[in-house]
Amino acid sequence: MIERGGEVAKVGIGMGSAIAIAISWTKNQSILWAIFHGFISWIYVIYHAFTRPGGLMG
């Protein structure tokens, strides 16, 4: 069970990085920003969700 939880965590981190990189590339068209946002992954995804027009805050 512990190993399976570790696999799920690895997939979650990878998915968060992929989403952050895709969002960053779409907004900035910069590989450096995309790499940076990939490192901070879920933080950037949540930030983007709250700050974009029509996002979580309306």
PDB file of N, CA and C in Angstrom:
ATOM      1  N   MET A   1       0.808  -1.205   0.000  1.00  0.00           N
ATOM      2  CA  MET A   1       0.000   0.000   0.000  1.00  0.00           C
ATOM      3  C   MET A   1       0.850   1.267   0.000  1.00  0.00           C
ATOM      4  N   ILE A   2       1.908   1.293   0.740  1.00  0.00           N
ATOM      5  CA  ILE A   2       2.739   2.497   0.798  1.00  0.00           C
ATOM      6  C   ILE A   2       3.343   2.798  -0.577  1.00  0.00           C
ATOM      7  N   GLU A   3       3.823   1.761  -1.257  1.00  0.00           N
ATOM      8  CA  GLU A   3       4.409   1.964  -2.574  1.00  0.00           C
ATOM      9  C   GLU A   3       3.374   2.501  -3.552  1.00  0.00           C
ATOM     10  N   ARG A   4       2.160   1.993  -3.469  1.00  0.00           N
ATOM     11  CA  ARG A   4       1.121   2.467  -4.386  1.00  0.00           C
ATOM     12  C   ARG A   4       0.831   3.940  -4.144  1.00  0.00           C
ATOM     13  N   GLY A   5       0.789   4.368  -2.879  1.00  0.00           N
ATOM     14  CA  GLY A   5       0.581   5.780  -2.572  1.00  0.00           C
ATOM     15  C   GLY A   5       1.694   6.641  -3.133  1.00  0.00           C
ATOM     16  N   GLY A   6       2.927   6.136  -3.100  1.00  0.00           N
ATOM     17  CA  GLY A   6       4.049   6.860  -3.676  1.00  0.00           C
ATOM     18  C   GLY A   6       3.892   7.031  -5.172  1.00  0.00           C
ATOM     19  N   GLU A   7       3.367   6.009  -5.845  1.00  0.00           N
ATOM     20  CA  GLU A   7       3.144   6.107  -7.285  1.00  0.00           C
ATOM     21  C   GLU A   7       2.080   7.150  -7.601  1.00  0.00           C
ATOM     22  N   VAL A   8       1.055   7.194  -6.806  1.00  0.00           N
ATOM     23  CA  VAL A   8       0.000   8.186  -7.015  1.00  0.00           C
ATOM     24  C   VAL A   8       0.564   9.585  -6.824  1.00  0.00           C
ATOM     25  N   ALA A   9       1.402   9.768  -5.814  1.00  0.00           N
ATOM     26  CA  ALA A   9       2.007  11.085  -5.578  1.00  0.00           C
ATOM     27  C   ALA A   9       2.893  11.492  -6.746  1.00  0.00           C
ATOM     28  N   LYS A  10       3.644  10.569  -7.308  1.00  0.00           N
ATOM     29  CA  LYS A  10       4.498  10.886  -8.449  1.00  0.00           C
ATOM     30  C   LYS A  10       3.661  11.315  -9.650  1.00  0.00           C
ATOM     31  N   VAL A  11       2.557  10.649  -9.894  1.00  0.00           N
ATOM     32  CA  VAL A  11       1.680  11.010 -11.006  1.00  0.00           C
ATOM     33  C   VAL A  11       1.093  12.389 -10.769  1.00  0.00           C
ATOM     34  N   GLY A  12       0.682  12.686  -9.549  1.00  0.00           N
ATOM     35  CA  GLY A  12       0.123  14.001  -9.228  1.00  0.00           C
ATOM     36  C   GLY A  12       1.115  15.112  -9.448  1.00  0.00           C
ATOM     37  N   ILE A  13       2.337  14.912  -9.048  1.00  0.00           N
ATOM     38  CA  ILE A  13       3.369  15.925  -9.244  1.00  0.00           C
ATOM     39  C   ILE A  13       3.631  16.111 -10.735  1.00  0.00           C
ATOM     40  N   GLY A  14       3.709  15.038 -11.470  1.00  0.00           N
ATOM     41  CA  GLY A  14       3.931  15.134 -12.910  1.00  0.00           C
ATOM     42  C   GLY A  14       2.790  15.824 -13.622  1.00  0.00           C
ATOM     43  N   MET A  15       1.574  15.528 -13.217  1.00  0.00           N
ATOM     44  CA  MET A  15       0.416  16.147 -13.849  1.00  0.00           C
ATOM     45  C   MET A  15       0.381  17.645 -13.533  1.00  0.00           C
ATOM     46  N   GLY A  16       0.688  18.012 -12.309  1.00  0.00           N
ATOM     47  CA  GLY A  16       0.716  19.428 -11.936  1.00  0.00           C
ATOM     48  C   GLY A  16       1.746  20.201 -12.723  1.00  0.00           C
ATOM     49  N   SER A  17       2.915  19.598 -12.915  1.00  0.00           N
ATOM     50  CA  SER A  17       3.962  20.241 -13.711  1.00  0.00           C
ATOM     51  C   SER A  17       3.521  20.406 -15.156  1.00  0.00           C
ATOM     52  N   ALA A  18       2.892  19.378 -15.708  1.00  0.00           N
ATOM     53  CA  ALA A  18       2.440  19.448 -17.099  1.00  0.00           C
ATOM     54  C   ALA A  18       1.386  20.535 -17.282  1.00  0.00           C
ATOM     55  N   ILE A  19       0.462  20.637 -16.358  1.00  0.00           N
ATOM     56  CA  ILE A  19      -0.578  21.672 -16.443  1.00  0.00           C
ATOM     57  C   ILE A  19       0.051  23.058 -16.327  1.00  0.00           C
ATOM     58  N   ALA A  20       0.973  23.219 -15.354  1.00  0.00           N
ATOM     59  CA  ALA A  20       1.624  24.516 -15.162  1.00  0.00           C
ATOM     60  C   ALA A  20       2.420  24.925 -16.393  1.00  0.00           C
ATOM     61  N   ILE A  21       3.143  23.991 -16.999  1.00  0.00           N
ATOM     62  CA  ILE A  21       3.933  24.296 -18.188  1.00  0.00           C
ATOM     63  C   ILE A  21       3.019  24.676 -19.350  1.00  0.00           C
ATOM     64  N   ALA A  22       1.925  23.959 -19.515  1.00  0.00           N
ATOM     65  CA  ALA A  22       0.990  24.273 -20.601  1.00  0.00           C
ATOM     66  C   ALA A  22       0.370  25.654 -20.421  1.00  0.00           C
ATOM     67  N   ILE A  23      -0.052  25.974 -19.209  1.00  0.00           N
ATOM     68  CA  ILE A  23      -0.638  27.291 -18.934  1.00  0.00           C
ATOM     69  C   ILE A  23       0.399  28.376 -19.186  1.00  0.00           C
ATOM     70  N   SER A  24       1.603  28.170 -18.653  1.00  0.00           N
ATOM     71  CA  SER A  24       2.655  29.162 -18.788  1.00  0.00           C
ATOM     72  C   SER A  24       3.018  29.402 -20.244  1.00  0.00           C
ATOM     73  N   TRP A  25       3.151  28.327 -21.012  1.00  0.00           N
ATOM     74  CA  TRP A  25       3.513  28.483 -22.419  1.00  0.00           C
ATOM     75  C   TRP A  25       2.422  29.227 -23.180  1.00  0.00           C
ATOM     76  N   THR A  26       1.158  28.911 -22.869  1.00  0.00           N
ATOM     77  CA  THR A  26       0.043  29.571 -23.539  1.00  0.00           C
ATOM     78  C   THR A  26       0.031  31.064 -23.239  1.00  0.00           C
ATOM     79  N   LYS A  27       0.321  31.429 -21.998  1.00  0.00           N
ATOM     80  CA  LYS A  27       0.291  32.836 -21.609  1.00  0.00           C
ATOM     81  C   LYS A  27       1.529  33.599 -22.047  1.00  0.00           C
ATOM     82  N   ASN A  28       2.727  33.008 -21.875  1.00  0.00           N
ATOM     83  CA  ASN A  28       3.971  33.766 -22.019  1.00  0.00           C
ATOM     84  C   ASN A  28       4.791  33.444 -23.260  1.00  0.00           C
ATOM     85  N   GLN A  29       4.607  32.274 -23.871  1.00  0.00           N
ATOM     86  CA  GLN A  29       5.413  31.843 -25.010  1.00  0.00           C
ATOM     87  C   GLN A  29       6.909  31.909 -24.692  1.00  0.00           C
ATOM     88  N   SER A  30       7.279  31.545 -23.440  1.00  0.00           N
ATOM     89  CA  SER A  30       8.670  31.597 -23.007  1.00  0.00           C
ATOM     90  C   SER A  30       9.042  30.274 -22.348  1.00  0.00           C
ATOM     91  N   ILE A  31      10.095  29.648 -22.841  1.00  0.00           N
ATOM     92  CA  ILE A  31      10.527  28.373 -22.280  1.00  0.00           C
ATOM     93  C   ILE A  31      11.065  28.557 -20.858  1.00  0.00           C
ATOM     94  N   LEU A  32      11.704  29.683 -20.589  1.00  0.00           N
ATOM     95  CA  LEU A  32      12.236  29.911 -19.238  1.00  0.00           C
ATOM     96  C   LEU A  32      11.117  30.026 -18.209  1.00  0.00           C
ATOM     97  N   TRP A  33      10.067  30.779 -18.544  1.00  0.00           N
ATOM     98  CA  TRP A  33       8.922  30.864 -17.635  1.00  0.00           C
ATOM     99  C   TRP A  33       8.230  29.514 -17.489  1.00  0.00           C
ATOM    100  N   ALA A  34       8.132  28.769 -18.585  1.00  0.00           N
ATOM    101  CA  ALA A  34       7.493  27.455 -18.533  1.00  0.00           C
ATOM    102  C   ALA A  34       8.262  26.514 -17.608  1.00  0.00           C
ATOM    103  N   ILE A  35       9.588  26.534 -17.683  1.00  0.00           N
ATOM    104  CA  ILE A  35      10.404  25.697 -16.795  1.00  0.00           C
ATOM    105  C   ILE A  35      10.215  26.121 -15.346  1.00  0.00           C
ATOM    106  N   PHE A  36      10.271  27.422 -15.098  1.00  0.00           N
ATOM    107  CA  PHE A  36      10.087  27.920 -13.728  1.00  0.00           C
ATOM    108  C   PHE A  36       8.727  27.520 -13.171  1.00  0.00           C
ATOM    109  N   HIS A  37       7.676  27.718 -13.964  1.00  0.00           N
ATOM    110  CA  HIS A  37       6.338  27.367 -13.501  1.00  0.00           C
ATOM    111  C   HIS A  37       6.180  25.855 -13.350  1.00  0.00           C
ATOM    112  N   GLY A  38       6.912  25.077 -14.137  1.00  0.00           N
ATOM    113  CA  GLY A  38       6.916  23.627 -13.968  1.00  0.00           C
ATOM    114  C   GLY A  38       7.486  23.225 -12.621  1.00  0.00           C
ATOM    115  N   PHE A  39       8.505  23.949 -12.151  1.00  0.00           N
ATOM    116  CA  PHE A  39       9.103  23.651 -10.850  1.00  0.00           C
ATOM    117  C   PHE A  39       8.140  23.954  -9.701  1.00  0.00           C
ATOM    118  N   ILE A  40       7.392  25.031  -9.823  1.00  0.00           N
ATOM    119  CA  ILE A  40       6.467  25.372  -8.733  1.00  0.00           C
ATOM    120  C   ILE A  40       5.062  24.820  -8.978  1.00  0.00           C
ATOM    121  N   SER A  41       4.888  24.108 -10.038  1.00  0.00           N
ATOM    122  CA  SER A  41       3.711  23.404 -10.537  1.00  0.00           C
ATOM    123  C   SER A  41       2.377  23.783  -9.908  1.00  0.00           C
ATOM    124  N   TRP A  42       1.933  23.080  -8.881  1.00  0.00           N
ATOM    125  CA  TRP A  42       0.583  23.273  -8.356  1.00  0.00           C
ATOM    126  C   TRP A  42       0.370  24.674  -7.798  1.00  0.00           C
ATOM    127  N   ILE A  43       1.418  25.302  -7.288  1.00  0.00           N
ATOM    128  CA  ILE A  43       1.284  26.677  -6.790  1.00  0.00           C
ATOM    129  C   ILE A  43       0.850  27.586  -7.939  1.00  0.00           C
ATOM    130  N   TYR A  44       1.489  27.432  -9.094  1.00  0.00           N
ATOM    131  CA  TYR A  44       1.154  28.257 -10.249  1.00  0.00           C
ATOM    132  C   TYR A  44      -0.231  27.923 -10.796  1.00  0.00           C
ATOM    133  N   VAL A  45      -0.584  26.651 -10.811  1.00  0.00           N
ATOM    134  CA  VAL A  45      -1.903  26.250 -11.304  1.00  0.00           C
ATOM    135  C   VAL A  45      -2.996  26.874 -10.442  1.00  0.00           C
ATOM    136  N   ILE A  46      -2.842  26.812  -9.145  1.00  0.00           N
ATOM    137  CA  ILE A  46      -3.838  27.398  -8.233  1.00  0.00           C
ATOM    138  C   ILE A  46      -3.862  28.920  -8.374  1.00  0.00           C
ATOM    139  N   TYR A  47      -2.678  29.540  -8.452  1.00  0.00           N
ATOM    140  CA  TYR A  47      -2.596  30.991  -8.654  1.00  0.00           C
ATOM    141  C   TYR A  47      -3.329  31.398  -9.935  1.00  0.00           C
ATOM    142  N   HIS A  48      -3.077  30.665 -11.008  1.00  0.00           N
ATOM    143  CA  HIS A  48      -3.717  30.975 -12.295  1.00  0.00           C
ATOM    144  C   HIS A  48      -5.238  30.829 -12.196  1.00  0.00           C
ATOM    145  N   ALA A  49      -5.688  29.798 -11.495  1.00  0.00           N
ATOM    146  CA  ALA A  49      -7.128  29.576 -11.358  1.00  0.00           C
ATOM    147  C   ALA A  49      -7.802  30.726 -10.616  1.00  0.00           C
ATOM    148  N   PHE A  50      -7.115  31.311  -9.640  1.00  0.00           N
ATOM    149  CA  PHE A  50      -7.707  32.401  -8.877  1.00  0.00           C
ATOM    150  C   PHE A  50      -7.599  33.760  -9.564  1.00  0.00           C
ATOM    151  N   THR A  51      -6.611  33.949 -10.430  1.00  0.00           N
ATOM    152  CA  THR A  51      -6.376  35.277 -10.984  1.00  0.00           C
ATOM    153  C   THR A  51      -6.867  35.470 -12.411  1.00  0.00           C
ATOM    154  N   ARG A  52      -7.203  34.408 -13.120  1.00  0.00           N
ATOM    155  CA  ARG A  52      -7.636  34.603 -14.508  1.00  0.00           C
ATOM    156  C   ARG A  52      -9.082  35.106 -14.535  1.00  0.00           C
ATOM    157  N   PRO A  53      -9.441  35.864 -15.550  1.00  0.00           N
ATOM    158  CA  PRO A  53     -10.832  36.329 -15.661  1.00  0.00           C
ATOM    159  C   PRO A  53     -11.792  35.149 -15.756  1.00  0.00           C
ATOM    160  N   GLY A  54     -12.820  35.166 -14.945  1.00  0.00           N
ATOM    161  CA  GLY A  54     -13.784  34.075 -14.932  1.00  0.00           C
ATOM    162  C   GLY A  54     -13.315  32.854 -14.186  1.00  0.00           C
ATOM    163  N   GLY A  55     -12.225  32.992 -13.435  1.00  0.00           N
ATOM    164  CA  GLY A  55     -11.666  31.853 -12.695  1.00  0.00           C
ATOM    165  C   GLY A  55     -12.484  31.530 -11.465  1.00  0.00           C
ATOM    166  N   LEU A  56     -11.862  30.945 -10.490  1.00  0.00           N
ATOM    167  CA  LEU A  56     -12.571  30.491  -9.288  1.00  0.00           C
ATOM    168  C   LEU A  56     -13.201  31.635  -8.510  1.00  0.00           C
ATOM    169  N   MET A  57     -12.624  32.821  -8.601  1.00  0.00           N
ATOM    170  CA  MET A  57     -13.162  33.954  -7.842  1.00  0.00           C
ATOM    171  C   MET A  57     -14.169  34.783  -8.642  1.00  0.00           C
ATOM    172  N   GLY A  58     -14.483  34.337  -9.856  1.00  0.00           N
ATOM    173  CA  GLY A  58     -15.508  35.024 -10.617  1.00  0.00           C
ATOM    174  C   GLY A  58     -15.040  35.931 -11.624  1.00  0.00           C
TER     175      GLY A  58
END
